[in-house]
Amino acid sequence: MTLDNKNIRKLKLLEPRVTQYYTVRFAINNRDFSLELTRRESTAFKTEASKVQDVLEKILKASDLSWYYNSTTVFAFGEGSLLCYCWLVLSVPQSLADRVTAGSVTDTLLQGVGGSGGSTTAYQQGEYIIERDSLNITGEAGEPDRKQHERTCLKQHWKVYKNIYIYFQAVCVLKQHYK
């Protein structure tokens, strides 16, 4: 058997794989944050998360990472246009595991959202305008402590949520007072 490109691909598919987990954060400029997006069980969260996951999947499946792509999951939204926090799971052949890093994944996603080194700061993908400079990817080779990471990401927005809650309490008090 000769090792041409087709046979090399088959061998790569049979090679044992390493699961890599990455956290992806980016801003969508043409969407506004709402309180409904803080509750994962809300229809707004589920709808927006599904759309974001579809967009990321399209970008990844059109990239060099398509062979390794496993899944994306939105776990939170935050303020600042609309900040998206997602898990990205890749299944990488063992022989390439050290080459697929947070940096290489970032480069690939930047190419997917408007090319590398371009002067454009935002890129339209489907109905979303993604802010290229907001893209931030961190990763680890093993299973991450998802709950701890979610708490860390959401703590960044706690002050904003707290101020919104205080504002709504004040509005409710004023409404009661002026009835």
N, C-alpha and C. Protein backbone atom coordinates (compact mmCIF):
# COMPACT_ATOMS: atom_id res chain seq x y z
N MET A 1 0.85 -1.18 0.00
CA MET A 1 0.00 0.00 0.00
C MET A 1 0.89 1.24 0.00
N THR A 2 0.64 2.15 -0.93
CA THR A 2 1.40 3.40 -0.97
C THR A 2 0.70 4.44 -0.12
N LEU A 3 1.48 5.34 0.43
CA LEU A 3 0.92 6.37 1.29
C LEU A 3 0.70 7.65 0.49
N ASP A 4 -0.40 7.71 -0.22
CA ASP A 4 -0.78 8.94 -0.88
C ASP A 4 -1.68 9.74 0.09
N ASN A 5 -2.14 10.92 -0.32
CA ASN A 5 -2.95 11.79 0.55
C ASN A 5 -4.20 11.10 1.07
N LYS A 6 -4.84 10.32 0.22
CA LYS A 6 -6.07 9.64 0.62
C LYS A 6 -5.79 8.63 1.74
N ASN A 7 -4.73 7.85 1.60
CA ASN A 7 -4.38 6.86 2.62
C ASN A 7 -3.89 7.52 3.92
N ILE A 8 -3.19 8.63 3.79
CA ILE A 8 -2.74 9.36 4.98
C ILE A 8 -3.95 9.85 5.77
N ARG A 9 -4.98 10.37 5.08
CA ARG A 9 -6.21 10.80 5.75
C ARG A 9 -6.87 9.65 6.49
N LYS A 10 -6.91 8.49 5.85
CA LYS A 10 -7.52 7.32 6.49
C LYS A 10 -6.76 6.95 7.76
N LEU A 11 -5.42 7.01 7.69
CA LEU A 11 -4.62 6.71 8.87
C LEU A 11 -4.88 7.72 9.99
N LYS A 12 -5.00 8.99 9.63
CA LYS A 12 -5.28 10.03 10.63
C LYS A 12 -6.62 9.78 11.30
N LEU A 13 -7.61 9.31 10.55
CA LEU A 13 -8.92 9.03 11.12
C LEU A 13 -8.87 7.85 12.08
N LEU A 14 -7.97 6.92 11.85
CA LEU A 14 -7.86 5.74 12.71
C LEU A 14 -6.97 5.97 13.93
N GLU A 15 -6.16 7.00 13.88
CA GLU A 15 -5.23 7.28 14.98
C GLU A 15 -6.00 7.65 16.26
N PRO A 16 -5.51 7.23 17.43
CA PRO A 16 -6.15 7.61 18.69
C PRO A 16 -6.21 9.14 18.82
N ARG A 17 -7.26 9.62 19.45
CA ARG A 17 -7.49 11.05 19.54
C ARG A 17 -7.41 11.56 20.97
N VAL A 18 -7.09 12.84 21.06
CA VAL A 18 -7.04 13.55 22.33
C VAL A 18 -8.14 14.61 22.28
N THR A 19 -8.95 14.67 23.33
CA THR A 19 -10.00 15.69 23.38
C THR A 19 -9.42 16.95 23.99
N GLN A 20 -9.61 18.07 23.29
CA GLN A 20 -9.12 19.36 23.77
C GLN A 20 -10.32 20.28 23.98
N TYR A 21 -10.30 21.01 25.09
CA TYR A 21 -11.39 21.91 25.44
C TYR A 21 -10.89 23.35 25.42
N TYR A 22 -11.67 24.22 24.81
CA TYR A 22 -11.31 25.63 24.73
C TYR A 22 -12.51 26.47 25.15
N THR A 23 -12.21 27.61 25.75
CA THR A 23 -13.23 28.59 26.07
C THR A 23 -13.09 29.71 25.06
N VAL A 24 -14.20 30.06 24.42
CA VAL A 24 -14.21 31.09 23.39
C VAL A 24 -15.09 32.24 23.88
N ARG A 25 -14.57 33.45 23.76
CA ARG A 25 -15.36 34.63 24.08
C ARG A 25 -15.25 35.61 22.93
N PHE A 26 -16.39 36.18 22.53
CA PHE A 26 -16.39 37.19 21.48
C PHE A 26 -17.63 38.04 21.60
N ALA A 27 -17.60 39.22 20.94
CA ALA A 27 -18.73 40.15 20.98
C ALA A 27 -19.44 40.16 19.63
N ILE A 28 -20.75 40.26 19.72
CA ILE A 28 -21.58 40.42 18.52
C ILE A 28 -22.11 41.85 18.57
N ASN A 29 -21.69 42.66 17.58
CA ASN A 29 -21.99 44.09 17.61
C ASN A 29 -23.45 44.44 17.34
N ASN A 30 -24.13 43.64 16.56
CA ASN A 30 -25.50 44.00 16.18
C ASN A 30 -26.57 43.29 17.03
N ARG A 31 -26.21 42.90 18.22
CA ARG A 31 -27.15 42.30 19.17
C ARG A 31 -26.99 43.01 20.51
N ASP A 32 -28.10 43.18 21.19
CA ASP A 32 -28.06 43.80 22.51
C ASP A 32 -28.32 42.76 23.58
N PHE A 33 -27.66 42.93 24.69
CA PHE A 33 -27.84 42.06 25.83
C PHE A 33 -29.19 42.37 26.49
N SER A 34 -29.84 41.33 26.99
CA SER A 34 -31.07 41.51 27.76
C SER A 34 -31.02 40.60 28.97
N LEU A 35 -31.81 40.93 29.98
CA LEU A 35 -31.83 40.12 31.19
C LEU A 35 -32.28 38.69 30.92
N GLU A 36 -33.11 38.49 29.92
CA GLU A 36 -33.57 37.14 29.57
C GLU A 36 -32.41 36.22 29.21
N LEU A 37 -31.32 36.80 28.70
CA LEU A 37 -30.17 36.00 28.30
C LEU A 37 -29.33 35.53 29.49
N THR A 38 -29.68 35.96 30.70
CA THR A 38 -28.97 35.49 31.89
C THR A 38 -29.52 34.16 32.39
N ARG A 39 -30.70 33.79 31.93
CA ARG A 39 -31.33 32.55 32.39
C ARG A 39 -31.24 31.50 31.29
N ARG A 40 -30.50 30.44 31.52
CA ARG A 40 -30.30 29.40 30.50
C ARG A 40 -31.58 28.69 30.11
N GLU A 41 -32.56 28.67 30.99
CA GLU A 41 -33.80 27.98 30.68
C GLU A 41 -34.76 28.85 29.88
N SER A 42 -34.44 30.14 29.67
CA SER A 42 -35.34 31.02 28.93
C SER A 42 -35.30 30.72 27.43
N THR A 43 -36.40 31.01 26.77
CA THR A 43 -36.48 30.83 25.32
C THR A 43 -35.47 31.72 24.61
N ALA A 44 -35.29 32.94 25.11
CA ALA A 44 -34.34 33.88 24.49
C ALA A 44 -32.92 33.31 24.53
N PHE A 45 -32.52 32.75 25.68
CA PHE A 45 -31.18 32.17 25.80
C PHE A 45 -31.04 31.00 24.83
N LYS A 46 -31.99 30.10 24.84
CA LYS A 46 -31.90 28.90 23.99
C LYS A 46 -31.85 29.26 22.51
N THR A 47 -32.67 30.24 22.11
CA THR A 47 -32.70 30.65 20.70
C THR A 47 -31.39 31.29 20.28
N GLU A 48 -30.91 32.24 21.10
CA GLU A 48 -29.66 32.94 20.76
C GLU A 48 -28.48 31.97 20.81
N ALA A 49 -28.44 31.09 21.80
CA ALA A 49 -27.35 30.12 21.91
C ALA A 49 -27.31 29.21 20.70
N SER A 50 -28.47 28.77 20.24
CA SER A 50 -28.53 27.89 19.07
C SER A 50 -27.99 28.59 17.83
N LYS A 51 -28.34 29.86 17.65
CA LYS A 51 -27.86 30.63 16.49
C LYS A 51 -26.34 30.83 16.56
N VAL A 52 -25.84 31.16 17.76
CA VAL A 52 -24.39 31.38 17.93
C VAL A 52 -23.64 30.08 17.65
N GLN A 53 -24.14 28.97 18.19
CA GLN A 53 -23.49 27.67 17.97
C GLN A 53 -23.48 27.31 16.49
N ASP A 54 -24.57 27.60 15.77
CA ASP A 54 -24.62 27.33 14.33
C ASP A 54 -23.57 28.15 13.58
N VAL A 55 -23.41 29.43 13.95
CA VAL A 55 -22.43 30.29 13.29
C VAL A 55 -21.02 29.77 13.55
N LEU A 56 -20.71 29.43 14.80
CA LEU A 56 -19.37 28.90 15.11
C LEU A 56 -19.12 27.59 14.37
N GLU A 57 -20.13 26.74 14.30
CA GLU A 57 -19.98 25.47 13.60
C GLU A 57 -19.67 25.70 12.11
N LYS A 58 -20.36 26.65 11.49
CA LYS A 58 -20.10 26.95 10.07
C LYS A 58 -18.66 27.45 9.87
N ILE A 59 -18.22 28.34 10.76
CA ILE A 59 -16.85 28.86 10.65
C ILE A 59 -15.84 27.73 10.81
N LEU A 60 -16.04 26.88 11.82
CA LEU A 60 -15.09 25.81 12.08
C LEU A 60 -15.11 24.73 11.01
N LYS A 61 -16.28 24.40 10.50
CA LYS A 61 -16.34 23.36 9.47
C LYS A 61 -15.78 23.82 8.13
N ALA A 62 -15.65 25.14 7.97
CA ALA A 62 -15.05 25.67 6.74
C ALA A 62 -13.55 25.94 6.92
N SER A 63 -13.00 25.53 8.06
CA SER A 63 -11.60 25.83 8.37
C SER A 63 -10.75 24.55 8.38
N ASP A 64 -9.47 24.75 8.68
CA ASP A 64 -8.54 23.62 8.82
C ASP A 64 -8.90 22.74 10.02
N LEU A 65 -9.69 23.27 10.94
CA LEU A 65 -10.07 22.51 12.14
C LEU A 65 -11.28 21.61 11.91
N SER A 66 -11.81 21.60 10.71
CA SER A 66 -13.03 20.82 10.45
C SER A 66 -12.85 19.34 10.76
N TRP A 67 -11.66 18.79 10.56
CA TRP A 67 -11.40 17.37 10.84
C TRP A 67 -11.45 17.07 12.33
N TYR A 68 -11.22 18.11 13.14
CA TYR A 68 -11.11 17.91 14.59
C TYR A 68 -12.35 18.38 15.35
N TYR A 69 -13.21 19.14 14.67
CA TYR A 69 -14.36 19.76 15.34
C TYR A 69 -15.27 18.70 15.94
N ASN A 70 -15.65 18.91 17.21
CA ASN A 70 -16.56 18.01 17.89
C ASN A 70 -17.85 18.75 18.23
N SER A 71 -17.75 19.86 18.99
CA SER A 71 -18.97 20.58 19.37
C SER A 71 -18.64 21.97 19.90
N THR A 72 -19.69 22.80 19.94
CA THR A 72 -19.63 24.08 20.63
C THR A 72 -20.87 24.17 21.51
N THR A 73 -20.71 24.79 22.65
CA THR A 73 -21.83 24.99 23.56
C THR A 73 -21.73 26.38 24.16
N VAL A 74 -22.77 27.19 24.00
CA VAL A 74 -22.81 28.50 24.64
C VAL A 74 -23.21 28.27 26.09
N PHE A 75 -22.41 28.80 27.03
CA PHE A 75 -22.78 28.63 28.43
C PHE A 75 -23.17 29.93 29.11
N ALA A 76 -22.92 31.09 28.46
CA ALA A 76 -23.33 32.36 29.07
C ALA A 76 -23.29 33.47 28.03
N PHE A 77 -24.05 34.51 28.32
CA PHE A 77 -24.01 35.75 27.56
C PHE A 77 -23.71 36.87 28.54
N GLY A 78 -23.04 37.92 28.06
CA GLY A 78 -22.74 39.06 28.91
C GLY A 78 -22.95 40.36 28.17
N GLU A 79 -22.84 41.45 28.92
CA GLU A 79 -23.05 42.77 28.34
C GLU A 79 -21.81 43.26 27.60
N GLY A 80 -22.04 44.22 26.73
CA GLY A 80 -21.00 44.79 25.90
C GLY A 80 -21.38 44.40 24.49
N SER A 81 -22.32 45.13 23.89
CA SER A 81 -23.07 44.63 22.72
C SER A 81 -23.69 43.33 23.22
N LEU A 82 -23.22 42.20 22.73
CA LEU A 82 -23.61 40.91 23.29
C LEU A 82 -22.36 40.06 23.35
N LEU A 83 -21.87 39.81 24.55
CA LEU A 83 -20.70 38.94 24.72
C LEU A 83 -21.17 37.50 24.78
N CYS A 84 -20.50 36.63 24.04
CA CYS A 84 -20.83 35.20 24.03
C CYS A 84 -19.68 34.43 24.66
N TYR A 85 -20.04 33.52 25.55
CA TYR A 85 -19.07 32.63 26.20
C TYR A 85 -19.43 31.21 25.79
N CYS A 86 -18.48 30.51 25.16
CA CYS A 86 -18.75 29.18 24.61
C CYS A 86 -17.65 28.20 24.97
N TRP A 87 -18.02 26.93 24.98
CA TRP A 87 -17.05 25.83 25.02
C TRP A 87 -16.86 25.36 23.59
N LEU A 88 -15.64 25.08 23.24
CA LEU A 88 -15.30 24.48 21.95
C LEU A 88 -14.57 23.18 22.26
N VAL A 89 -15.05 22.09 21.69
CA VAL A 89 -14.42 20.78 21.93
C VAL A 89 -13.88 20.26 20.60
N LEU A 90 -12.59 19.92 20.60
CA LEU A 90 -11.93 19.35 19.43
C LEU A 90 -11.43 17.96 19.77
N SER A 91 -11.44 17.09 18.79
CA SER A 91 -10.91 15.74 18.93
C SER A 91 -9.74 15.62 17.96
N VAL A 92 -8.53 15.74 18.49
CA VAL A 92 -7.31 15.89 17.69
C VAL A 92 -6.50 14.60 17.72
N PRO A 93 -5.97 14.15 16.55
CA PRO A 93 -5.08 12.99 16.56
C PRO A 93 -3.91 13.22 17.51
N GLN A 94 -3.51 12.18 18.22
CA GLN A 94 -2.42 12.31 19.20
C GLN A 94 -1.16 12.92 18.60
N SER A 95 -0.85 12.56 17.37
CA SER A 95 0.40 13.05 16.76
C SER A 95 0.35 14.56 16.49
N LEU A 96 -0.83 15.15 16.48
CA LEU A 96 -0.96 16.58 16.21
C LEU A 96 -1.37 17.39 17.43
N ALA A 97 -1.57 16.73 18.55
CA ALA A 97 -2.12 17.39 19.74
C ALA A 97 -1.27 18.58 20.20
N ASP A 98 0.05 18.47 20.08
CA ASP A 98 0.90 19.57 20.53
C ASP A 98 0.90 20.74 19.56
N ARG A 99 0.42 20.54 18.34
CA ARG A 99 0.37 21.62 17.34
C ARG A 99 -0.95 22.38 17.37
N VAL A 100 -2.00 21.74 17.89
CA VAL A 100 -3.30 22.41 17.99
C VAL A 100 -3.37 23.03 19.39
N THR A 101 -3.17 24.34 19.43
CA THR A 101 -3.11 25.08 20.69
C THR A 101 -4.14 26.20 20.67
N ALA A 102 -4.29 26.87 21.80
CA ALA A 102 -5.21 28.02 21.86
C ALA A 102 -4.81 29.06 20.81
N GLY A 103 -3.51 29.24 20.61
CA GLY A 103 -3.03 30.20 19.60
C GLY A 103 -3.40 29.80 18.18
N SER A 104 -3.23 28.52 17.85
CA SER A 104 -3.56 28.08 16.49
C SER A 104 -5.07 28.09 16.26
N VAL A 105 -5.84 27.79 17.31
CA VAL A 105 -7.30 27.84 17.19
C VAL A 105 -7.74 29.30 17.01
N THR A 106 -7.12 30.22 17.75
CA THR A 106 -7.42 31.65 17.59
C THR A 106 -7.13 32.10 16.17
N ASP A 107 -5.96 31.75 15.65
CA ASP A 107 -5.60 32.14 14.28
C ASP A 107 -6.61 31.61 13.27
N THR A 108 -7.02 30.35 13.44
CA THR A 108 -7.97 29.75 12.52
C THR A 108 -9.32 30.46 12.59
N LEU A 109 -9.80 30.77 13.81
CA LEU A 109 -11.08 31.45 13.93
C LEU A 109 -11.00 32.88 13.40
N LEU A 110 -9.86 33.54 13.60
CA LEU A 110 -9.70 34.89 13.04
C LEU A 110 -9.76 34.86 11.52
N GLN A 111 -9.17 33.84 10.91
CA GLN A 111 -9.27 33.70 9.46
C GLN A 111 -10.72 33.47 9.06
N GLY A 112 -11.45 32.72 9.89
CA GLY A 112 -12.86 32.45 9.60
C GLY A 112 -13.76 33.65 9.77
N VAL A 113 -13.32 34.62 10.57
CA VAL A 113 -14.12 35.84 10.73
C VAL A 113 -13.43 37.01 10.07
N GLY A 114 -13.06 36.84 8.83
CA GLY A 114 -12.61 37.97 8.04
C GLY A 114 -11.15 38.00 7.65
N GLY A 115 -10.46 36.87 7.70
CA GLY A 115 -9.08 36.83 7.27
C GLY A 115 -8.14 37.32 8.34
N SER A 116 -6.87 37.02 8.18
CA SER A 116 -5.89 37.41 9.20
C SER A 116 -5.20 38.69 8.78
N GLY A 117 -4.94 39.52 9.77
CA GLY A 117 -4.17 40.74 9.54
C GLY A 117 -4.90 41.79 8.73
N GLY A 118 -6.20 41.63 8.53
CA GLY A 118 -6.94 42.61 7.75
C GLY A 118 -7.22 43.86 8.57
N SER A 119 -7.65 44.91 7.88
CA SER A 119 -7.94 46.15 8.57
C SER A 119 -9.37 46.18 9.09
N THR A 120 -10.19 45.23 8.70
CA THR A 120 -11.56 45.18 9.14
C THR A 120 -11.61 44.72 10.59
N THR A 121 -12.35 45.47 11.42
CA THR A 121 -12.44 45.10 12.82
C THR A 121 -13.67 44.25 13.11
N ALA A 122 -14.64 44.24 12.19
CA ALA A 122 -15.84 43.44 12.39
C ALA A 122 -16.13 42.65 11.12
N TYR A 123 -16.77 41.53 11.30
CA TYR A 123 -17.04 40.62 10.19
C TYR A 123 -18.46 40.10 10.29
N GLN A 124 -19.15 40.12 9.18
CA GLN A 124 -20.52 39.60 9.18
C GLN A 124 -20.52 38.12 8.85
N GLN A 125 -21.15 37.34 9.72
CA GLN A 125 -21.33 35.90 9.51
C GLN A 125 -22.81 35.63 9.74
N GLY A 126 -23.52 35.35 8.65
CA GLY A 126 -24.96 35.17 8.77
C GLY A 126 -25.59 36.47 9.22
N GLU A 127 -26.40 36.40 10.26
CA GLU A 127 -27.06 37.61 10.75
C GLU A 127 -26.25 38.36 11.80
N TYR A 128 -25.08 37.86 12.15
CA TYR A 128 -24.25 38.47 13.19
C TYR A 128 -23.10 39.27 12.63
N ILE A 129 -22.79 40.37 13.32
CA ILE A 129 -21.56 41.12 13.05
C ILE A 129 -20.64 40.86 14.23
N ILE A 130 -19.58 40.10 13.99
CA ILE A 130 -18.67 39.66 15.05
C ILE A 130 -17.49 40.62 15.12
N GLU A 131 -17.19 41.09 16.32
CA GLU A 131 -16.06 41.97 16.56
C GLU A 131 -14.79 41.13 16.63
N ARG A 132 -13.93 41.26 15.61
CA ARG A 132 -12.72 40.42 15.54
C ARG A 132 -11.80 40.62 16.75
N ASP A 133 -11.66 41.88 17.19
CA ASP A 133 -10.73 42.17 18.29
C ASP A 133 -11.21 41.62 19.63
N SER A 134 -12.48 41.25 19.71
CA SER A 134 -13.01 40.73 20.98
C SER A 134 -12.77 39.23 21.14
N LEU A 135 -12.34 38.58 20.07
CA LEU A 135 -12.15 37.13 20.11
C LEU A 135 -11.03 36.76 21.08
N ASN A 136 -11.37 35.91 22.05
CA ASN A 136 -10.41 35.48 23.06
C ASN A 136 -10.62 33.99 23.28
N ILE A 137 -9.54 33.22 23.13
CA ILE A 137 -9.63 31.77 23.29
C ILE A 137 -8.59 31.32 24.30
N THR A 138 -9.05 30.53 25.26
CA THR A 138 -8.13 29.90 26.20
C THR A 138 -8.42 28.41 26.14
N GLY A 139 -7.44 27.61 26.47
CA GLY A 139 -7.66 26.17 26.35
C GLY A 139 -6.82 25.35 27.28
N GLU A 140 -7.22 24.09 27.36
CA GLU A 140 -6.47 23.12 28.14
C GLU A 140 -6.67 21.74 27.52
N ALA A 141 -5.73 20.87 27.74
CA ALA A 141 -5.79 19.56 27.11
C ALA A 141 -6.78 18.61 27.78
N GLY A 142 -6.96 18.76 29.07
CA GLY A 142 -7.86 17.85 29.78
C GLY A 142 -9.25 18.43 29.95
N GLU A 143 -10.08 17.68 30.64
CA GLU A 143 -11.44 18.14 30.95
C GLU A 143 -11.36 19.32 31.91
N PRO A 144 -11.92 20.47 31.54
CA PRO A 144 -11.85 21.63 32.42
C PRO A 144 -12.87 21.52 33.55
N ASP A 145 -12.64 22.29 34.59
CA ASP A 145 -13.63 22.42 35.65
C ASP A 145 -14.65 23.45 35.15
N ARG A 146 -15.67 22.98 34.47
CA ARG A 146 -16.61 23.87 33.79
C ARG A 146 -17.33 24.80 34.76
N LYS A 147 -17.79 24.28 35.87
CA LYS A 147 -18.52 25.11 36.84
C LYS A 147 -17.64 26.25 37.35
N GLN A 148 -16.39 25.93 37.68
CA GLN A 148 -15.48 26.96 38.17
C GLN A 148 -15.24 28.01 37.09
N HIS A 149 -15.05 27.57 35.86
CA HIS A 149 -14.80 28.52 34.78
C HIS A 149 -16.01 29.41 34.52
N GLU A 150 -17.21 28.82 34.54
CA GLU A 150 -18.43 29.61 34.36
C GLU A 150 -18.54 30.66 35.45
N ARG A 151 -18.26 30.29 36.69
CA ARG A 151 -18.33 31.25 37.79
C ARG A 151 -17.34 32.39 37.56
N THR A 152 -16.14 32.07 37.12
CA THR A 152 -15.13 33.10 36.88
C THR A 152 -15.59 34.07 35.80
N CYS A 153 -16.13 33.54 34.69
CA CYS A 153 -16.60 34.41 33.60
C CYS A 153 -17.77 35.28 34.05
N LEU A 154 -18.69 34.68 34.79
CA LEU A 154 -19.88 35.42 35.19
C LEU A 154 -19.59 36.43 36.29
N LYS A 155 -18.55 36.20 37.10
CA LYS A 155 -18.18 37.17 38.13
C LYS A 155 -17.82 38.51 37.51
N GLN A 156 -17.27 38.48 36.29
CA GLN A 156 -16.90 39.71 35.61
C GLN A 156 -18.11 40.59 35.38
N HIS A 157 -19.28 39.98 35.28
CA HIS A 157 -20.50 40.75 34.99
C HIS A 157 -21.39 40.94 36.21
N TRP A 158 -20.97 40.43 37.37
CA TRP A 158 -21.81 40.49 38.55
C TRP A 158 -22.16 41.92 38.93
N LYS A 159 -21.21 42.85 38.86
CA LYS A 159 -21.49 44.23 39.23
C LYS A 159 -22.59 44.81 38.35
N VAL A 160 -22.54 44.52 37.07
CA VAL A 160 -23.57 45.02 36.15
C VAL A 160 -24.92 44.42 36.51
N TYR A 161 -24.97 43.10 36.73
CA TYR A 161 -26.23 42.45 37.09
C TYR A 161 -26.78 43.02 38.40
N LYS A 162 -25.89 43.24 39.36
CA LYS A 162 -26.30 43.76 40.65
C LYS A 162 -26.90 45.15 40.49
N ASN A 163 -26.27 46.01 39.69
CA ASN A 163 -26.80 47.35 39.47
C ASN A 163 -28.15 47.32 38.76
N ILE A 164 -28.31 46.41 37.82
CA ILE A 164 -29.61 46.28 37.13
C ILE A 164 -30.68 45.84 38.11
N TYR A 165 -30.35 44.89 38.98
CA TYR A 165 -31.30 44.40 39.97
C TYR A 165 -31.70 45.52 40.91
N ILE A 166 -30.75 46.31 41.39
CA ILE A 166 -31.05 47.43 42.28
C ILE A 166 -31.94 48.44 41.57
N TYR A 167 -31.66 48.70 40.29
CA TYR A 167 -32.47 49.63 39.50
C TYR A 167 -33.91 49.13 39.42
N PHE A 168 -34.11 47.86 39.11
CA PHE A 168 -35.47 47.32 39.01
C PHE A 168 -36.19 47.37 40.35
N GLN A 169 -35.47 47.12 41.44
CA GLN A 169 -36.09 47.23 42.76
C GLN A 169 -36.55 48.66 43.01
N ALA A 170 -35.74 49.63 42.64
CA ALA A 170 -36.10 51.04 42.83
C ALA A 170 -37.32 51.40 41.98
N VAL A 171 -37.38 50.91 40.76
CA VAL A 171 -38.53 51.18 39.89
C VAL A 171 -39.79 50.60 40.51
N CYS A 172 -39.71 49.38 41.02
CA CYS A 172 -40.87 48.74 41.65
C CYS A 172 -41.35 49.53 42.87
N VAL A 173 -40.41 50.02 43.67
CA VAL A 173 -40.77 50.84 44.84
C VAL A 173 -41.46 52.11 44.39
N LEU A 174 -40.91 52.76 43.37
CA LEU A 174 -41.53 53.99 42.86
C LEU A 174 -42.92 53.76 42.31
N LYS A 175 -43.11 52.66 41.61
CA LYS A 175 -44.44 52.32 41.06
C LYS A 175 -45.44 52.13 42.20
N GLN A 176 -45.02 51.44 43.26
CA GLN A 176 -45.89 51.23 44.41
C GLN A 176 -46.23 52.56 45.09
N HIS A 177 -45.25 53.43 45.17
CA HIS A 177 -45.44 54.72 45.85
C HIS A 177 -46.41 55.62 45.09
N TYR A 178 -46.36 55.60 43.76
CA TYR A 178 -47.20 56.50 42.96
C TYR A 178 -48.50 55.87 42.49
N LYS A 179 -48.89 54.73 43.04
CA LYS A 179 -50.17 54.11 42.66
C LYS A 179 -51.32 54.88 43.19
